[in-house]
Amino acid sequence: MKLSKDFIFHSMGDESVLVPSGNAKFSGMVRGNKTLGVVLDLLQCETTEAEIVAAMRARFSAPDGAIERDVKDAIQKLRDVGAIEE
């Protein structure tokens, strides 16, 4: 999976923003924290959920299961707005 070319990602400090281009069916803006920014950055290239989780574990310390839940939730929300190409 990877980020759809119909979306533009920008990270500013601790905030991440994803906006659709004119070709996307979603109209609005997705705002998130640094965690979402890392997920979106990793989705710039073809990747898997497991690879995203591994990269997040290398970068952040969190209780067991927290990173997996956060990644799963972020990916689902991105799928819901059509931002992920499978």
C-alpha atoms as a PDB file:
ATOM      1  CA  MET A   1       0.000   0.000   0.000  1.00  0.00           C
ATOM      2  CA  LYS A   2       1.042   3.593  -0.454  1.00  0.00           C
ATOM      3  CA  LEU A   3      -0.304   7.125  -0.260  1.00  0.00           C
ATOM      4  CA  SER A   4      -2.555   8.031  -3.169  1.00  0.00           C
ATOM      5  CA  LYS A   5      -1.109  10.499  -5.652  1.00  0.00           C
ATOM      6  CA  ASP A   6      -4.376  12.423  -5.251  1.00  0.00           C
ATOM      7  CA  PHE A   7      -3.281  13.604  -1.788  1.00  0.00           C
ATOM      8  CA  ILE A   8      -0.580  16.005  -0.659  1.00  0.00           C
ATOM      9  CA  PHE A   9       1.157  15.518   2.677  1.00  0.00           C
ATOM     10  CA  HIS A  10       2.892  18.232   4.658  1.00  0.00           C
ATOM     11  CA  SER A  11       4.447  18.099   8.102  1.00  0.00           C
ATOM     12  CA  MET A  12       4.997  21.213  10.221  1.00  0.00           C
ATOM     13  CA  GLY A  13       6.702  20.550  13.540  1.00  0.00           C
ATOM     14  CA  ASP A  14       4.392  18.334  15.582  1.00  0.00           C
ATOM     15  CA  GLU A  15       1.454  18.702  13.193  1.00  0.00           C
ATOM     16  CA  SER A  16       0.811  16.808   9.968  1.00  0.00           C
ATOM     17  CA  VAL A  17      -1.667  17.777   7.281  1.00  0.00           C
ATOM     18  CA  LEU A  18      -3.035  15.753   4.390  1.00  0.00           C
ATOM     19  CA  VAL A  19      -5.056  17.546   1.727  1.00  0.00           C
ATOM     20  CA  PRO A  20      -6.693  16.182  -1.417  1.00  0.00           C
ATOM     21  CA  SER A  21      -5.815  17.419  -4.878  1.00  0.00           C
ATOM     22  CA  GLY A  22      -8.558  18.236  -7.342  1.00  0.00           C
ATOM     23  CA  ASN A  23      -8.793  14.576  -8.407  1.00  0.00           C
ATOM     24  CA  ALA A  24      -9.634  13.123  -4.981  1.00  0.00           C
ATOM     25  CA  LYS A  25     -13.220  12.266  -4.065  1.00  0.00           C
ATOM     26  CA  PHE A  26     -12.620  13.444  -0.485  1.00  0.00           C
ATOM     27  CA  SER A  27     -12.968  17.146   0.199  1.00  0.00           C
ATOM     28  CA  GLY A  28     -11.536  18.372   3.442  1.00  0.00           C
ATOM     29  CA  MET A  29      -8.327  18.131   5.367  1.00  0.00           C
ATOM     30  CA  VAL A  30      -6.858  15.439   7.594  1.00  0.00           C
ATOM     31  CA  ARG A  31      -4.867  16.856  10.503  1.00  0.00           C
ATOM     32  CA  GLY A  32      -2.791  14.793  12.860  1.00  0.00           C
ATOM     33  CA  ASN A  33       0.168  14.658  15.176  1.00  0.00           C
ATOM     34  CA  LYS A  34       3.790  13.595  14.668  1.00  0.00           C
ATOM     35  CA  THR A  35       2.740   9.928  14.722  1.00  0.00           C
ATOM     36  CA  LEU A  36       0.455  10.414  11.731  1.00  0.00           C
ATOM     37  CA  GLY A  37       3.260  12.310  10.039  1.00  0.00           C
ATOM     38  CA  VAL A  38       5.578   9.315  10.361  1.00  0.00           C
ATOM     39  CA  VAL A  39       2.882   6.998   8.981  1.00  0.00           C
ATOM     40  CA  LEU A  40       2.240   9.329   6.039  1.00  0.00           C
ATOM     41  CA  ASP A  41       5.955   9.697   5.391  1.00  0.00           C
ATOM     42  CA  LEU A  42       6.377   5.921   5.275  1.00  0.00           C
ATOM     43  CA  LEU A  43       3.406   5.683   2.901  1.00  0.00           C
ATOM     44  CA  GLN A  44       5.249   7.807   0.325  1.00  0.00           C
ATOM     45  CA  CYS A  45       6.690   4.501  -0.914  1.00  0.00           C
ATOM     46  CA  GLU A  46       5.096   1.067  -1.186  1.00  0.00           C
ATOM     47  CA  THR A  47       5.015  -0.460   2.313  1.00  0.00           C
ATOM     48  CA  THR A  48       3.063  -2.772   4.603  1.00  0.00           C
ATOM     49  CA  GLU A  49       1.383  -2.268   7.941  1.00  0.00           C
ATOM     50  CA  ALA A  50       4.017  -4.502   9.572  1.00  0.00           C
ATOM     51  CA  GLU A  51       6.827  -2.373   8.124  1.00  0.00           C
ATOM     52  CA  ILE A  52       5.173   0.786   9.423  1.00  0.00           C
ATOM     53  CA  VAL A  53       4.806  -0.750  12.893  1.00  0.00           C
ATOM     54  CA  ALA A  54       8.478  -1.799  12.883  1.00  0.00           C
ATOM     55  CA  ALA A  55       9.603   1.706  11.873  1.00  0.00           C
ATOM     56  CA  MET A  56       7.404   3.258  14.550  1.00  0.00           C
ATOM     57  CA  ARG A  57       8.804   0.910  17.215  1.00  0.00           C
ATOM     58  CA  ALA A  58      12.321   1.938  16.230  1.00  0.00           C
ATOM     59  CA  ARG A  59      11.387   5.593  16.664  1.00  0.00           C
ATOM     60  CA  PHE A  60       8.963   5.661  19.600  1.00  0.00           C
ATOM     61  CA  SER A  61       8.652   3.973  22.965  1.00  0.00           C
ATOM     62  CA  ALA A  62       5.116   2.880  23.826  1.00  0.00           C
ATOM     63  CA  PRO A  63       3.284   0.222  25.854  1.00  0.00           C
ATOM     64  CA  ASP A  64       2.721  -3.180  24.226  1.00  0.00           C
ATOM     65  CA  GLY A  65       0.056  -2.998  21.546  1.00  0.00           C
ATOM     66  CA  ALA A  66      -0.191   0.808  21.484  1.00  0.00           C
ATOM     67  CA  ILE A  67       1.817   1.313  18.306  1.00  0.00           C
ATOM     68  CA  GLU A  68      -0.044  -1.483  16.532  1.00  0.00           C
ATOM     69  CA  ARG A  69      -3.412   0.062  17.481  1.00  0.00           C
ATOM     70  CA  ASP A  70      -2.334   3.560  16.483  1.00  0.00           C
ATOM     71  CA  VAL A  71      -1.001   2.409  13.103  1.00  0.00           C
ATOM     72  CA  LYS A  72      -4.101   0.313  12.427  1.00  0.00           C
ATOM     73  CA  ASP A  73      -6.388   3.262  13.316  1.00  0.00           C
ATOM     74  CA  ALA A  74      -4.394   5.710  11.182  1.00  0.00           C
ATOM     75  CA  ILE A  75      -4.401   3.404   8.174  1.00  0.00           C
ATOM     76  CA  GLN A  76      -8.141   2.792   8.499  1.00  0.00           C
ATOM     77  CA  LYS A  77      -8.867   6.522   8.652  1.00  0.00           C
ATOM     78  CA  LEU A  78      -6.688   7.088   5.597  1.00  0.00           C
ATOM     79  CA  ARG A  79      -8.515   4.297   3.776  1.00  0.00           C
ATOM     80  CA  ASP A  80     -11.866   5.849   4.748  1.00  0.00           C
ATOM     81  CA  VAL A  81     -10.967   9.085   2.945  1.00  0.00           C
ATOM     82  CA  GLY A  82      -9.470   7.268  -0.046  1.00  0.00           C
ATOM     83  CA  ALA A  83      -5.883   8.324   0.684  1.00  0.00           C
ATOM     84  CA  ILE A  84      -4.343   4.854   0.345  1.00  0.00           C
ATOM     85  CA  GLU A  85      -3.738   2.904  -2.843  1.00  0.00           C
ATOM     86  CA  GLU A  86      -3.746  -0.847  -2.227  1.00  0.00           C
END
